[in-house]
All heavy atoms as atom14 arrays in JSON, in Angstrom:
{
  "sequence": "HAHPREIPEIVRWAVGRNSTDRQNAYDFAVVGLFEDRDALQRYLTHP",
  "atom14_mask": [
    [1, 1, 1, 1, 1, 1, 1, 1, 1, 1, 0, 0, 0, 0],
    [1, 1, 1, 1, 1, 0, 0, 0, 0, 0, 0, 0, 0, 0],
    [1, 1, 1, 1, 1, 1, 1, 1, 1, 1, 0, 0, 0, 0],
    [1, 1, 1, 1, 1, 1, 1, 0, 0, 0, 0, 0, 0, 0],
    [1, 1, 1, 1, 1, 1, 1, 1, 1, 1, 1, 0, 0, 0],
    [1, 1, 1, 1, 1, 1, 1, 1, 1, 0, 0, 0, 0, 0],
    [1, 1, 1, 1, 1, 1, 1, 1, 0, 0, 0, 0, 0, 0],
    [1, 1, 1, 1, 1, 1, 1, 0, 0, 0, 0, 0, 0, 0],
    [1, 1, 1, 1, 1, 1, 1, 1, 1, 0, 0, 0, 0, 0],
    [1, 1, 1, 1, 1, 1, 1, 1, 0, 0, 0, 0, 0, 0],
    [1, 1, 1, 1, 1, 1, 1, 0, 0, 0, 0, 0, 0, 0],
    [1, 1, 1, 1, 1, 1, 1, 1, 1, 1, 1, 0, 0, 0],
    [1, 1, 1, 1, 1, 1, 1, 1, 1, 1, 1, 1, 1, 1],
    [1, 1, 1, 1, 1, 0, 0, 0, 0, 0, 0, 0, 0, 0],
    [1, 1, 1, 1, 1, 1, 1, 0, 0, 0, 0, 0, 0, 0],
    [1, 1, 1, 1, 0, 0, 0, 0, 0, 0, 0, 0, 0, 0],
    [1, 1, 1, 1, 1, 1, 1, 1, 1, 1, 1, 0, 0, 0],
    [1, 1, 1, 1, 1, 1, 1, 1, 0, 0, 0, 0, 0, 0],
    [1, 1, 1, 1, 1, 1, 0, 0, 0, 0, 0, 0, 0, 0],
    [1, 1, 1, 1, 1, 1, 1, 0, 0, 0, 0, 0, 0, 0],
    [1, 1, 1, 1, 1, 1, 1, 1, 0, 0, 0, 0, 0, 0],
    [1, 1, 1, 1, 1, 1, 1, 1, 1, 1, 1, 0, 0, 0],
    [1, 1, 1, 1, 1, 1, 1, 1, 1, 0, 0, 0, 0, 0],
    [1, 1, 1, 1, 1, 1, 1, 1, 0, 0, 0, 0, 0, 0],
    [1, 1, 1, 1, 1, 0, 0, 0, 0, 0, 0, 0, 0, 0],
    [1, 1, 1, 1, 1, 1, 1, 1, 1, 1, 1, 1, 0, 0],
    [1, 1, 1, 1, 1, 1, 1, 1, 0, 0, 0, 0, 0, 0],
    [1, 1, 1, 1, 1, 1, 1, 1, 1, 1, 1, 0, 0, 0],
    [1, 1, 1, 1, 1, 0, 0, 0, 0, 0, 0, 0, 0, 0],
    [1, 1, 1, 1, 1, 1, 1, 0, 0, 0, 0, 0, 0, 0],
    [1, 1, 1, 1, 1, 1, 1, 0, 0, 0, 0, 0, 0, 0],
    [1, 1, 1, 1, 0, 0, 0, 0, 0, 0, 0, 0, 0, 0],
    [1, 1, 1, 1, 1, 1, 1, 1, 0, 0, 0, 0, 0, 0],
    [1, 1, 1, 1, 1, 1, 1, 1, 1, 1, 1, 0, 0, 0],
    [1, 1, 1, 1, 1, 1, 1, 1, 1, 0, 0, 0, 0, 0],
    [1, 1, 1, 1, 1, 1, 1, 1, 0, 0, 0, 0, 0, 0],
    [1, 1, 1, 1, 1, 1, 1, 1, 1, 1, 1, 0, 0, 0],
    [1, 1, 1, 1, 1, 1, 1, 1, 0, 0, 0, 0, 0, 0],
    [1, 1, 1, 1, 1, 0, 0, 0, 0, 0, 0, 0, 0, 0],
    [1, 1, 1, 1, 1, 1, 1, 1, 0, 0, 0, 0, 0, 0],
    [1, 1, 1, 1, 1, 1, 1, 1, 1, 0, 0, 0, 0, 0],
    [1, 1, 1, 1, 1, 1, 1, 1, 1, 1, 1, 0, 0, 0],
    [1, 1, 1, 1, 1, 1, 1, 1, 1, 1, 1, 1, 0, 0],
    [1, 1, 1, 1, 1, 1, 1, 1, 0, 0, 0, 0, 0, 0],
    [1, 1, 1, 1, 1, 1, 1, 0, 0, 0, 0, 0, 0, 0],
    [1, 1, 1, 1, 1, 1, 1, 1, 1, 1, 0, 0, 0, 0],
    [1, 1, 1, 1, 1, 1, 1, 0, 0, 0, 0, 0, 0, 0]
  ],
  "atom14_positions": [
    [[-8.64, 268.63, 2.09], [-7.8, 269.75, 1.66], [-6.6, 269.25, 0.85], [-6.15, 269.95, -0.07], [-7.3, 270.54, 2.88], [-8.24, 271.58, 3.35], [-8.34, 272.83, 2.78], [-9.14, 271.55, 4.36], [-9.25, 273.54, 3.41], [-9.76, 272.79, 4.38], [0.0, 0.0, 0.0], [0.0, 0.0, 0.0], [0.0, 0.0, 0.0], [0.0, 0.0, 0.0]],
    [[-6.09, 268.08, 1.16], [-4.87, 267.57, 0.52], [-5.1, 266.91, -0.83], [-4.14, 266.66, -1.56], [-4.19, 266.58, 1.47], [0.0, 0.0, 0.0], [0.0, 0.0, 0.0], [0.0, 0.0, 0.0], [0.0, 0.0, 0.0], [0.0, 0.0, 0.0], [0.0, 0.0, 0.0], [0.0, 0.0, 0.0], [0.0, 0.0, 0.0], [0.0, 0.0, 0.0]],
    [[-6.32, 266.61, -1.19], [-6.59, 265.88, -2.44], [-5.89, 266.48, -3.67], [-5.34, 265.72, -4.47], [-8.08, 265.75, -2.7], [-8.77, 264.75, -1.84], [-8.14, 263.67, -1.23], [-10.08, 264.64, -1.49], [-9.02, 262.97, -0.56], [-10.2, 263.53, -0.69], [0.0, 0.0, 0.0], [0.0, 0.0, 0.0], [0.0, 0.0, 0.0], [0.0, 0.0, 0.0]],
    [[-5.88, 267.79, -3.87], [-5.25, 268.31, -5.1], [-3.75, 268.01, -5.19], [-3.21, 267.94, -6.29], [-5.48, 269.82, -5.02], [-6.67, 269.97, -4.15], [-6.58, 268.85, -3.14], [0.0, 0.0, 0.0], [0.0, 0.0, 0.0], [0.0, 0.0, 0.0], [0.0, 0.0, 0.0], [0.0, 0.0, 0.0], [0.0, 0.0, 0.0], [0.0, 0.0, 0.0]],
    [[-3.08, 267.82, -4.07], [-1.66, 267.47, -4.1], [-1.43, 266.04, -4.55], [-0.35, 265.7, -5.02], [-1.04, 267.69, -2.71], [-0.93, 269.14, -2.32], [-0.06, 269.34, -1.09], [-0.57, 268.66, 0.09], [-1.35, 269.2, 1.01], [-1.76, 270.45, 0.88], [-1.75, 268.52, 2.06], [0.0, 0.0, 0.0], [0.0, 0.0, 0.0], [0.0, 0.0, 0.0]],
    [[-2.44, 265.2, -4.39], [-2.3, 263.78, -4.68], [-3.04, 263.31, -5.93], [-2.71, 262.26, -6.48], [-2.83, 262.96, -3.48], [-2.16, 263.28, -2.16], [-0.68, 262.93, -2.15], [-0.3, 261.96, -2.83], [0.08, 263.66, -1.48], [0.0, 0.0, 0.0], [0.0, 0.0, 0.0], [0.0, 0.0, 0.0], [0.0, 0.0, 0.0], [0.0, 0.0, 0.0]],
    [[-4.03, 264.06, -6.37], [-4.91, 263.6, -7.45], [-4.81, 264.58, -8.62], [-5.38, 265.67, -8.58], [-6.37, 263.47, -6.95], [-6.41, 262.58, -5.7], [-7.25, 262.92, -8.06], [-7.77, 262.52, -5.03], [0.0, 0.0, 0.0], [0.0, 0.0, 0.0], [0.0, 0.0, 0.0], [0.0, 0.0, 0.0], [0.0, 0.0, 0.0], [0.0, 0.0, 0.0]],
    [[-4.1, 264.19, -9.68], [-3.84, 265.13, -10.78], [-5.07, 265.5, -11.6], [-5.05, 266.52, -12.3], [-2.82, 264.38, -11.64], [-2.97, 262.94, -11.3], [-3.43, 262.9, -9.86], [0.0, 0.0, 0.0], [0.0, 0.0, 0.0], [0.0, 0.0, 0.0], [0.0, 0.0, 0.0], [0.0, 0.0, 0.0], [0.0, 0.0, 0.0], [0.0, 0.0, 0.0]],
    [[-6.14, 264.76, -11.52], [-7.34, 265.06, -12.3], [-8.07, 266.32, -11.83], [-8.88, 266.88, -12.56], [-8.31, 263.87, -12.26], [-7.9, 262.71, -13.12], [-6.79, 261.86, -12.51], [-6.48, 262.01, -11.32], [-6.22, 261.04, -13.24], [0.0, 0.0, 0.0], [0.0, 0.0, 0.0], [0.0, 0.0, 0.0], [0.0, 0.0, 0.0], [0.0, 0.0, 0.0]],
    [[-7.77, 266.79, -10.64], [-8.44, 267.97, -10.11], [-7.9, 269.22, -10.8], [-6.7, 269.5, -10.74], [-8.24, 268.08, -8.58], [-8.89, 266.88, -7.88], [-8.81, 269.39, -8.06], [-8.58, 266.77, -6.4], [0.0, 0.0, 0.0], [0.0, 0.0, 0.0], [0.0, 0.0, 0.0], [0.0, 0.0, 0.0], [0.0, 0.0, 0.0], [0.0, 0.0, 0.0]],
    [[-8.79, 269.95, -11.48], [-8.42, 271.19, -12.15], [-8.49, 272.37, -11.18], [-7.58, 273.19, -11.11], [-9.33, 271.45, -13.37], [-9.05, 272.81, -14.0], [-9.18, 270.33, -14.39], [0.0, 0.0, 0.0], [0.0, 0.0, 0.0], [0.0, 0.0, 0.0], [0.0, 0.0, 0.0], [0.0, 0.0, 0.0], [0.0, 0.0, 0.0], [0.0, 0.0, 0.0]],
    [[-9.59, 272.45, -10.43], [-9.77, 273.47, -9.39], [-10.42, 272.81, -8.19], [-11.19, 271.86, -8.34], [-10.65, 274.61, -9.88], [-9.97, 275.49, -10.87], [-10.6, 276.86, -10.93], [-9.91, 277.64, -11.93], [-10.51, 278.23, -12.95], [-11.81, 278.15, -13.08], [-9.81, 278.91, -13.81], [0.0, 0.0, 0.0], [0.0, 0.0, 0.0], [0.0, 0.0, 0.0]],
    [[-10.17, 273.38, -7.0], [-10.63, 272.74, -5.77], [-10.94, 273.81, -4.75], [-10.07, 274.64, -4.42], [-9.52, 271.83, -5.27], [-9.88, 270.84, -4.22], [-9.41, 270.82, -2.94], [-10.72, 269.69, -4.35], [-9.91, 269.73, -2.26], [-10.72, 269.01, -3.13], [-11.47, 269.18, -5.4], [-11.45, 267.85, -2.91], [-12.19, 268.02, -5.19], [-12.17, 267.38, -3.96]],
    [[-12.14, 273.83, -4.23], [-12.53, 274.73, -3.15], [-13.25, 273.91, -2.1], [-14.17, 273.16, -2.42], [-13.43, 275.84, -3.67], [0.0, 0.0, 0.0], [0.0, 0.0, 0.0], [0.0, 0.0, 0.0], [0.0, 0.0, 0.0], [0.0, 0.0, 0.0], [0.0, 0.0, 0.0], [0.0, 0.0, 0.0], [0.0, 0.0, 0.0], [0.0, 0.0, 0.0]],
    [[-12.81, 274.03, -0.86], [-13.44, 273.31, 0.24], [-13.56, 274.25, 1.43], [-12.79, 275.21, 1.55], [-12.64, 272.05, 0.65], [-12.49, 271.1, -0.51], [-11.28, 272.41, 1.21], [0.0, 0.0, 0.0], [0.0, 0.0, 0.0], [0.0, 0.0, 0.0], [0.0, 0.0, 0.0], [0.0, 0.0, 0.0], [0.0, 0.0, 0.0], [0.0, 0.0, 0.0]],
    [[-14.53, 273.99, 2.3], [-14.63, 274.82, 3.48], [-15.75, 274.43, 4.41], [-16.69, 273.74, 4.03], [0.0, 0.0, 0.0], [0.0, 0.0, 0.0], [0.0, 0.0, 0.0], [0.0, 0.0, 0.0], [0.0, 0.0, 0.0], [0.0, 0.0, 0.0], [0.0, 0.0, 0.0], [0.0, 0.0, 0.0], [0.0, 0.0, 0.0], [0.0, 0.0, 0.0]],
    [[-15.61, 274.91, 5.63], [-16.63, 274.7, 6.66], [-17.78, 275.67, 6.45], [-17.59, 276.8, 6.01], [-16.04, 274.96, 8.05], [-14.98, 273.99, 8.45], [-14.46, 274.34, 9.82], [-13.39, 273.45, 10.23], [-12.85, 273.44, 11.43], [-13.3, 274.28, 12.36], [-11.88, 272.59, 11.72], [0.0, 0.0, 0.0], [0.0, 0.0, 0.0], [0.0, 0.0, 0.0]],
    [[-18.96, 275.22, 6.8], [-20.13, 276.08, 6.77], [-19.93, 277.25, 7.72], [-19.4, 277.09, 8.82], [-21.37, 275.28, 7.18], [-22.57, 276.15, 7.31], [-22.85, 276.97, 6.45], [-23.28, 276.0, 8.41], [0.0, 0.0, 0.0], [0.0, 0.0, 0.0], [0.0, 0.0, 0.0], [0.0, 0.0, 0.0], [0.0, 0.0, 0.0], [0.0, 0.0, 0.0]],
    [[-20.38, 278.43, 7.32], [-20.24, 279.62, 8.17], [-21.58, 280.2, 8.61], [-21.62, 281.31, 9.14], [-19.42, 280.68, 7.45], [-20.09, 281.1, 6.28], [0.0, 0.0, 0.0], [0.0, 0.0, 0.0], [0.0, 0.0, 0.0], [0.0, 0.0, 0.0], [0.0, 0.0, 0.0], [0.0, 0.0, 0.0], [0.0, 0.0, 0.0], [0.0, 0.0, 0.0]],
    [[-22.67, 279.47, 8.37], [-23.98, 279.96, 8.79], [-24.54, 279.06, 9.89], [-24.08, 277.94, 10.09], [-24.99, 279.97, 7.62], [-25.3, 278.61, 7.28], [-24.43, 280.68, 6.41], [0.0, 0.0, 0.0], [0.0, 0.0, 0.0], [0.0, 0.0, 0.0], [0.0, 0.0, 0.0], [0.0, 0.0, 0.0], [0.0, 0.0, 0.0], [0.0, 0.0, 0.0]],
    [[-25.56, 279.56, 10.57], [-26.2, 278.75, 11.61], [-27.62, 278.37, 11.22], [-28.44, 278.04, 12.06], [-26.18, 279.47, 12.95], [-26.9, 280.81, 12.93], [-27.41, 281.2, 11.85], [-26.95, 281.46, 13.97], [0.0, 0.0, 0.0], [0.0, 0.0, 0.0], [0.0, 0.0, 0.0], [0.0, 0.0, 0.0], [0.0, 0.0, 0.0], [0.0, 0.0, 0.0]],
    [[-27.92, 278.41, 9.92], [-29.26, 278.04, 9.46], [-29.52, 276.56, 9.7], [-28.62, 275.72, 9.58], [-29.43, 278.37, 7.98], [-29.5, 279.87, 7.78], [-29.65, 280.2, 6.34], [-28.32, 280.09, 5.74], [-28.05, 280.41, 4.49], [-28.99, 280.81, 3.68], [-26.82, 280.3, 4.03], [0.0, 0.0, 0.0], [0.0, 0.0, 0.0], [0.0, 0.0, 0.0]],
    [[-30.75, 276.23, 10.03], [-31.14, 274.86, 10.37], [-30.86, 273.87, 9.24], [-30.47, 272.73, 9.49], [-32.64, 274.84, 10.73], [-33.12, 273.51, 11.24], [-32.54, 273.16, 12.6], [-32.18, 274.04, 13.38], [-32.43, 271.88, 12.9], [0.0, 0.0, 0.0], [0.0, 0.0, 0.0], [0.0, 0.0, 0.0], [0.0, 0.0, 0.0], [0.0, 0.0, 0.0]],
    [[-31.05, 274.27, 8.01], [-30.89, 273.34, 6.88], [-29.48, 273.35, 6.28], [-29.25, 272.74, 5.24], [-31.92, 273.65, 5.79], [-31.75, 275.03, 5.2], [-31.07, 275.88, 5.77], [-32.37, 275.26, 4.06], [0.0, 0.0, 0.0], [0.0, 0.0, 0.0], [0.0, 0.0, 0.0], [0.0, 0.0, 0.0], [0.0, 0.0, 0.0], [0.0, 0.0, 0.0]],
    [[-28.53, 274.01, 6.93], [-27.17, 274.08, 6.42], [-26.41, 272.77, 6.62], [-26.66, 272.04, 7.57], [-26.42, 275.21, 7.12], [0.0, 0.0, 0.0], [0.0, 0.0, 0.0], [0.0, 0.0, 0.0], [0.0, 0.0, 0.0], [0.0, 0.0, 0.0], [0.0, 0.0, 0.0], [0.0, 0.0, 0.0], [0.0, 0.0, 0.0], [0.0, 0.0, 0.0]],
    [[-25.49, 272.52, 5.71], [-24.57, 271.39, 5.84], [-23.31, 271.89, 6.55], [-23.09, 273.09, 6.68], [-24.25, 270.81, 4.47], [-25.36, 269.94, 3.93], [-26.54, 270.5, 3.47], [-25.24, 268.56, 3.93], [-27.58, 269.7, 2.99], [-26.27, 267.75, 3.47], [-27.43, 268.34, 3.0], [-28.44, 267.54, 2.53], [0.0, 0.0, 0.0], [0.0, 0.0, 0.0]],
    [[-22.46, 270.97, 7.0], [-21.3, 271.33, 7.8], [-20.04, 271.61, 6.99], [-19.18, 272.37, 7.43], [-21.01, 270.22, 8.81], [-22.14, 270.07, 9.8], [-22.37, 271.01, 10.57], [-22.82, 269.02, 9.78], [0.0, 0.0, 0.0], [0.0, 0.0, 0.0], [0.0, 0.0, 0.0], [0.0, 0.0, 0.0], [0.0, 0.0, 0.0], [0.0, 0.0, 0.0]],
    [[-19.92, 271.0, 5.81], [-18.69, 271.12, 5.03], [-19.04, 270.98, 3.55], [-19.94, 270.21, 3.2], [-17.71, 270.01, 5.45], [-16.32, 270.16, 4.9], [-15.45, 271.1, 5.42], [-15.87, 269.33, 3.88], [-14.15, 271.23, 4.92], [-14.58, 269.43, 3.39], [-13.72, 270.39, 3.91], [0.0, 0.0, 0.0], [0.0, 0.0, 0.0], [0.0, 0.0, 0.0]],
    [[-18.34, 271.72, 2.72], [-18.61, 271.68, 1.28], [-17.33, 271.46, 0.49], [-16.26, 271.95, 0.87], [-19.27, 272.97, 0.83], [0.0, 0.0, 0.0], [0.0, 0.0, 0.0], [0.0, 0.0, 0.0], [0.0, 0.0, 0.0], [0.0, 0.0, 0.0], [0.0, 0.0, 0.0], [0.0, 0.0, 0.0], [0.0, 0.0, 0.0], [0.0, 0.0, 0.0]],
    [[-17.47, 270.74, -0.62], [-16.39, 270.52, -1.58], [-16.94, 270.91, -2.95], [-18.03, 270.49, -3.33], [-15.96, 269.04, -1.62], [-14.98, 268.79, -2.75], [-15.38, 268.61, -0.29], [0.0, 0.0, 0.0], [0.0, 0.0, 0.0], [0.0, 0.0, 0.0], [0.0, 0.0, 0.0], [0.0, 0.0, 0.0], [0.0, 0.0, 0.0], [0.0, 0.0, 0.0]],
    [[-16.16, 271.71, -3.68], [-16.5, 272.04, -5.06], [-15.23, 271.81, -5.89], [-14.23, 272.5, -5.7], [-16.98, 273.5, -5.2], [-17.33, 273.8, -6.65], [-18.16, 273.78, -4.27], [0.0, 0.0, 0.0], [0.0, 0.0, 0.0], [0.0, 0.0, 0.0], [0.0, 0.0, 0.0], [0.0, 0.0, 0.0], [0.0, 0.0, 0.0], [0.0, 0.0, 0.0]],
    [[-15.31, 270.82, -6.77], [-14.18, 270.5, -7.62], [-14.52, 270.69, -9.08], [-15.68, 270.6, -9.48], [0.0, 0.0, 0.0], [0.0, 0.0, 0.0], [0.0, 0.0, 0.0], [0.0, 0.0, 0.0], [0.0, 0.0, 0.0], [0.0, 0.0, 0.0], [0.0, 0.0, 0.0], [0.0, 0.0, 0.0], [0.0, 0.0, 0.0], [0.0, 0.0, 0.0]],
    [[-13.5, 270.96, -9.87], [-13.67, 271.1, -11.31], [-12.8, 270.06, -12.0], [-11.62, 269.9, -11.66], [-13.28, 272.51, -11.76], [-13.53, 272.85, -13.23], [-15.03, 272.83, -13.54], [-12.93, 274.21, -13.56], [0.0, 0.0, 0.0], [0.0, 0.0, 0.0], [0.0, 0.0, 0.0], [0.0, 0.0, 0.0], [0.0, 0.0, 0.0], [0.0, 0.0, 0.0]],
    [[-13.39, 269.36, -12.97], [-12.72, 268.28, -13.7], [-12.92, 268.49, -15.19], [-13.93, 269.05, -15.62], [-13.28, 266.92, -13.26], [-13.03, 266.65, -11.81], [-13.91, 267.11, -10.85], [-11.91, 265.95, -11.41], [-13.68, 266.89, -9.49], [-11.66, 265.73, -10.06], [-12.54, 266.19, -9.11], [0.0, 0.0, 0.0], [0.0, 0.0, 0.0], [0.0, 0.0, 0.0]],
    [[-11.96, 268.03, -15.98], [-12.03, 268.2, -17.44], [-13.27, 267.53, -18.04], [-13.9, 268.09, -18.93], [-10.78, 267.62, -18.11], [-9.54, 268.45, -17.91], [-9.58, 269.77, -18.68], [-10.26, 269.86, -19.72], [-8.94, 270.72, -18.21], [0.0, 0.0, 0.0], [0.0, 0.0, 0.0], [0.0, 0.0, 0.0], [0.0, 0.0, 0.0], [0.0, 0.0, 0.0]],
    [[-13.59, 266.33, -17.57], [-14.71, 265.58, -18.16], [-15.1, 264.45, -17.21], [-14.53, 264.29, -16.13], [-14.33, 265.03, -19.54], [-13.04, 264.22, -19.53], [-12.71, 263.57, -18.5], [-12.35, 264.21, -20.57], [0.0, 0.0, 0.0], [0.0, 0.0, 0.0], [0.0, 0.0, 0.0], [0.0, 0.0, 0.0], [0.0, 0.0, 0.0], [0.0, 0.0, 0.0]],
    [[-16.07, 263.66, -17.6], [-16.56, 262.57, -16.75], [-15.5, 261.5, -16.52], [-15.45, 260.9, -15.45], [-17.82, 261.95, -17.35], [-18.99, 262.89, -17.25], [-20.33, 262.19, -17.35], [-21.39, 263.19, -17.28], [-21.86, 263.7, -16.14], [-21.41, 263.29, -15.0], [-22.81, 264.62, -16.17], [0.0, 0.0, 0.0], [0.0, 0.0, 0.0], [0.0, 0.0, 0.0]],
    [[-14.64, 261.26, -17.51], [-13.57, 260.28, -17.31], [-12.61, 260.73, -16.22], [-12.18, 259.93, -15.39], [-12.81, 260.04, -18.62], [-13.64, 259.29, -19.65], [-14.62, 258.61, -19.26], [-13.32, 259.4, -20.84], [0.0, 0.0, 0.0], [0.0, 0.0, 0.0], [0.0, 0.0, 0.0], [0.0, 0.0, 0.0], [0.0, 0.0, 0.0], [0.0, 0.0, 0.0]],
    [[-12.26, 262.02, -16.23], [-11.38, 262.55, -15.18], [-12.04, 262.46, -13.81], [-11.4, 262.1, -12.82], [-11.0, 264.0, -15.5], [0.0, 0.0, 0.0], [0.0, 0.0, 0.0], [0.0, 0.0, 0.0], [0.0, 0.0, 0.0], [0.0, 0.0, 0.0], [0.0, 0.0, 0.0], [0.0, 0.0, 0.0], [0.0, 0.0, 0.0], [0.0, 0.0, 0.0]],
    [[-13.34, 262.76, -13.75], [-14.06, 262.64, -12.49], [-14.06, 261.19, -12.01], [-13.83, 260.91, -10.82], [-15.49, 263.15, -12.62], [-16.37, 263.0, -11.38], [-15.82, 263.8, -10.2], [-17.8, 263.41, -11.68], [0.0, 0.0, 0.0], [0.0, 0.0, 0.0], [0.0, 0.0, 0.0], [0.0, 0.0, 0.0], [0.0, 0.0, 0.0], [0.0, 0.0, 0.0]],
    [[-14.26, 260.26, -12.91], [-14.27, 258.84, -12.54], [-12.9, 258.4, -12.01], [-12.81, 257.65, -11.03], [-14.68, 257.97, -13.73], [-14.88, 256.52, -13.37], [-15.94, 256.32, -12.28], [-16.98, 256.96, -12.28], [-15.67, 255.44, -11.34], [0.0, 0.0, 0.0], [0.0, 0.0, 0.0], [0.0, 0.0, 0.0], [0.0, 0.0, 0.0], [0.0, 0.0, 0.0]],
    [[-11.82, 258.87, -12.63], [-10.47, 258.53, -12.13], [-10.27, 259.11, -10.73], [-9.67, 258.46, -9.86], [-9.41, 259.04, -13.1], [-9.35, 258.25, -14.39], [-8.13, 258.59, -15.23], [-8.04, 260.0, -15.58], [-8.63, 260.57, -16.62], [-9.42, 259.85, -17.43], [-8.47, 261.86, -16.86], [0.0, 0.0, 0.0], [0.0, 0.0, 0.0], [0.0, 0.0, 0.0]],
    [[-10.76, 260.33, -10.5], [-10.69, 260.93, -9.17], [-11.47, 260.09, -8.15], [-10.97, 259.8, -7.06], [-11.25, 262.36, -9.24], [-11.78, 262.88, -7.93], [-10.92, 263.36, -6.96], [-13.15, 262.91, -7.67], [-11.42, 263.85, -5.75], [-13.65, 263.4, -6.49], [-12.77, 263.86, -5.53], [-13.26, 264.33, -4.33], [0.0, 0.0, 0.0], [0.0, 0.0, 0.0]],
    [[-12.68, 259.7, -8.52], [-13.53, 258.95, -7.59], [-12.9, 257.62, -7.17], [-13.11, 257.16, -6.04], [-14.91, 258.7, -8.21], [-15.78, 259.94, -8.41], [-17.03, 259.58, -9.2], [-16.13, 260.59, -7.09], [0.0, 0.0, 0.0], [0.0, 0.0, 0.0], [0.0, 0.0, 0.0], [0.0, 0.0, 0.0], [0.0, 0.0, 0.0], [0.0, 0.0, 0.0]],
    [[-12.16, 257.01, -8.04], [-11.55, 255.7, -7.73], [-10.11, 255.82, -7.25], [-9.5, 254.82, -6.88], [-11.61, 254.78, -8.96], [-10.91, 255.39, -10.05], [-13.05, 254.49, -9.35], [0.0, 0.0, 0.0], [0.0, 0.0, 0.0], [0.0, 0.0, 0.0], [0.0, 0.0, 0.0], [0.0, 0.0, 0.0], [0.0, 0.0, 0.0], [0.0, 0.0, 0.0]],
    [[-9.57, 257.03, -7.24], [-8.17, 257.23, -6.79], [-8.04, 256.83, -5.32], [-8.91, 257.15, -4.5], [-7.8, 258.7, -6.97], [-6.34, 258.97, -6.81], [-5.74, 259.04, -5.58], [-5.37, 259.17, -7.73], [-4.46, 259.29, -5.74], [-4.22, 259.37, -7.04], [0.0, 0.0, 0.0], [0.0, 0.0, 0.0], [0.0, 0.0, 0.0], [0.0, 0.0, 0.0]],
    [[-6.97, 256.15, -4.95], [-6.79, 255.71, -3.55], [-6.85, 256.85, -2.53], [-7.39, 256.66, -1.44], [-5.42, 255.03, -3.55], [-5.2, 254.62, -4.97], [-5.89, 255.64, -5.82], [0.0, 0.0, 0.0], [0.0, 0.0, 0.0], [0.0, 0.0, 0.0], [0.0, 0.0, 0.0], [0.0, 0.0, 0.0], [0.0, 0.0, 0.0], [0.0, 0.0, 0.0]]
  ]
}
């Protein structure tokens, strides 16, 4: 949840816990928006 406060490359950020009980569901999701692949790479390597 705190990543957008620390990582300037994040343009938009949505995160949340799964709200379904389906067998194939995952537990947590992150959806981020970045300007381009270079920005994503800087995010991925950010401390």
